[in-house]
């Protein structure tokens, strides 16, 4: 389900954005910074400070998560069904172990949002479609760097 391109994009992302819906149908999007993949069909997100996301998942387990490289302006959207895996659940250790390795002692993991991915599709800035012949990743990066006022790191090794 998850292509090598999707996994590579996710690994480069500092945040993913989790979209949930509450019991009244109100959508909510929140950033998550500790996440990884398990096999090719599960996305694991550490619940560090996400009571609204967990409450929404209990009301409606259908979720969407996006990863976007803000410089290249490409990414992926994954959709699926989530469950909140709590410390008292029998399989909690299996789900939390890779996240604990990432988080270390700095972030307390209250539970794991485990998402079984059912769909994955690319995200592209409109420029790639509207101006396909002139839009390149290099041009997008240069434009984003100008807009954000940043410069690429210089390798001094």
Protein backbone atom coordinates (compact mmCIF):
# COMPACT_ATOMS: atom_id res chain seq x y z
CA UNK A 1 0.00 0.00 0.00
CA UNK A 2 2.73 2.50 0.93
CA UNK A 3 5.20 3.09 -1.87
CA UNK A 4 8.90 3.76 -1.34
CA UNK A 5 8.22 7.36 -2.48
CA UNK A 6 5.55 7.80 0.20
CA UNK A 7 7.83 6.42 2.90
CA UNK A 8 10.74 8.63 1.77
CA UNK A 9 8.56 11.74 1.82
CA UNK A 10 7.27 10.90 5.30
CA UNK A 11 10.81 10.35 6.61
CA UNK A 12 11.82 13.83 5.38
CA UNK A 13 8.79 15.47 6.98
CA UNK A 14 9.19 17.15 10.35
CA UNK A 15 5.45 16.98 10.97
CA UNK A 16 2.47 15.11 9.68
CA UNK A 17 -1.03 16.56 9.81
CA UNK A 18 -3.78 14.34 11.21
CA UNK A 19 -7.36 15.12 10.15
CA UNK A 20 -10.19 13.75 12.27
CA UNK A 21 -13.91 14.45 12.65
CA UNK A 22 -15.76 14.78 15.94
CA UNK A 23 -19.13 13.25 16.84
CA UNK A 24 -20.94 16.34 15.51
CA UNK A 25 -19.13 16.17 12.15
CA UNK A 26 -16.77 19.08 12.86
CA UNK A 27 -13.38 18.46 11.17
CA UNK A 28 -10.12 19.05 13.00
CA UNK A 29 -6.51 19.01 11.78
CA UNK A 30 -3.56 18.87 14.14
CA UNK A 31 0.20 18.50 13.75
CA UNK A 32 2.00 15.39 15.00
CA UNK A 33 5.78 15.19 15.27
CA UNK A 34 6.52 11.62 16.39
CA UNK A 35 5.36 9.13 13.76
CA UNK A 36 6.58 6.15 11.77
CA UNK A 37 5.36 3.30 9.62
CA UNK A 38 4.98 -0.35 10.55
CA UNK A 39 5.16 -2.73 7.60
CA UNK A 40 3.53 -1.36 4.48
CA UNK A 41 0.06 -0.70 5.78
CA UNK A 42 0.22 0.94 9.22
CA UNK A 43 1.08 4.47 10.23
CA UNK A 44 1.88 4.92 13.92
CA UNK A 45 1.51 8.31 15.59
CA UNK A 46 2.51 9.03 19.19
CA UNK A 47 -0.27 10.56 21.23
CA UNK A 48 1.77 13.06 23.21
CA UNK A 49 -0.77 15.84 23.67
CA UNK A 50 -3.74 14.87 21.50
CA UNK A 51 -6.88 14.48 23.60
CA UNK A 52 -9.11 15.95 20.85
CA UNK A 53 -7.67 13.66 18.17
CA UNK A 54 -8.17 10.60 20.38
CA UNK A 55 -11.71 11.65 21.32
CA UNK A 56 -12.53 12.21 17.62
CA UNK A 57 -11.10 8.81 16.62
CA UNK A 58 -13.29 7.13 19.23
CA UNK A 59 -16.31 8.87 17.64
CA UNK A 60 -15.23 8.29 14.03
CA UNK A 61 -12.15 6.17 13.25
CA UNK A 62 -11.83 7.35 9.63
CA UNK A 63 -8.82 9.67 9.35
CA UNK A 64 -6.56 11.33 6.83
CA UNK A 65 -2.87 12.22 7.30
CA UNK A 66 -0.74 14.41 5.06
CA UNK A 67 3.01 14.78 4.64
CA UNK A 68 4.28 17.69 2.54
CA UNK A 69 7.79 18.83 1.68
CA UNK A 70 7.21 22.58 1.95
CA UNK A 71 10.17 23.36 -0.29
CA UNK A 72 9.44 20.97 -3.16
CA UNK A 73 5.68 21.46 -2.57
CA UNK A 74 4.89 17.80 -3.04
CA UNK A 75 3.74 15.18 -0.60
CA UNK A 76 1.28 12.41 0.09
CA UNK A 77 -2.13 12.02 1.65
CA UNK A 78 -2.90 8.72 3.35
CA UNK A 79 -6.36 7.74 4.51
CA UNK A 80 -7.42 4.90 6.71
CA UNK A 81 -9.00 3.65 9.86
CA UNK A 82 -7.48 4.59 13.21
CA UNK A 83 -7.55 3.05 16.62
CA UNK A 84 -6.21 4.35 19.91
CA UNK A 85 -3.86 1.75 21.39
CA UNK A 86 -3.54 2.34 25.15
CA UNK A 87 -0.87 1.15 27.61
CA UNK A 88 -3.28 -1.40 29.08
CA UNK A 89 -3.93 -3.00 25.67
CA UNK A 90 -2.19 -6.34 25.12
CA UNK A 91 -0.44 -5.28 21.90
CA UNK A 92 0.63 -1.82 23.15
CA UNK A 93 4.35 -2.66 23.38
CA UNK A 94 4.42 -3.75 19.74
CA UNK A 95 2.92 -0.42 18.65
CA UNK A 96 4.80 1.93 21.01
CA UNK A 97 8.33 0.52 20.75
CA UNK A 98 9.36 2.21 17.47
CA UNK A 99 7.86 5.51 18.63
CA UNK A 100 9.62 5.36 22.01
CA UNK A 101 12.92 4.89 20.18
CA UNK A 102 12.23 8.12 18.28
CA UNK A 103 10.82 10.17 21.16
CA UNK A 104 13.29 9.16 23.85
CA UNK A 105 12.52 10.36 27.37
CA UNK A 106 11.67 13.90 26.22
CA UNK A 107 8.10 13.17 25.11
CA UNK A 108 5.68 11.10 27.21
CA UNK A 109 3.63 8.83 24.93
CA UNK A 110 0.14 8.49 26.37
CA UNK A 111 -1.09 6.09 23.67
CA UNK A 112 -0.51 5.20 20.03
CA UNK A 113 -2.76 6.22 17.21
CA UNK A 114 -2.48 3.23 14.89
CA UNK A 115 -3.80 3.82 11.39
CA UNK A 116 -4.44 1.02 8.93
CA UNK A 117 -3.79 2.75 5.61
CA UNK A 118 -6.42 2.03 2.96
CA UNK A 119 -5.61 4.73 0.42
CA UNK A 120 -2.59 6.80 -0.56
CA UNK A 121 -2.43 9.58 -3.12
CA UNK A 122 0.05 12.29 -4.06
CA UNK A 123 -0.27 15.94 -3.08
CA UNK A 124 1.04 18.45 -5.62
CA UNK A 125 1.12 22.23 -5.59
CA UNK A 126 -1.17 23.56 -8.34
CA UNK A 127 1.86 24.93 -10.22
CA UNK A 128 2.86 21.39 -11.19
CA UNK A 129 -0.45 20.98 -13.01
CA UNK A 130 -1.11 24.50 -14.26
CA UNK A 131 2.43 25.22 -15.47
CA UNK A 132 3.79 21.70 -15.98
CA UNK A 133 6.39 22.65 -18.57
CA UNK A 134 8.05 25.33 -16.46
CA UNK A 135 7.54 23.97 -12.95
CA UNK A 136 10.46 21.94 -11.62
CA UNK A 137 11.33 20.82 -8.13
CA UNK A 138 14.43 23.04 -8.24
CA UNK A 139 12.31 26.08 -9.18
CA UNK A 140 9.81 25.31 -6.42
CA UNK A 141 12.62 25.00 -3.85
CA UNK A 142 14.19 28.29 -4.96
CA UNK A 143 10.83 30.05 -4.78
CA UNK A 144 10.04 28.63 -1.34
CA UNK A 145 13.47 29.61 -0.02
CA UNK A 146 12.93 33.18 -1.21
CA UNK A 147 9.45 33.25 0.32
CA UNK A 148 10.65 31.86 3.67
CA UNK A 149 13.88 33.89 3.68
CA UNK A 150 16.12 30.84 4.09
CA UNK A 151 19.15 29.45 2.30
CA UNK A 152 20.29 25.88 1.74
CA UNK A 153 22.80 24.43 4.16
CA UNK A 154 26.34 24.28 2.88
CA UNK A 155 28.13 20.98 3.48
CA UNK A 156 31.46 21.85 5.15
CA UNK A 157 32.69 18.33 5.76
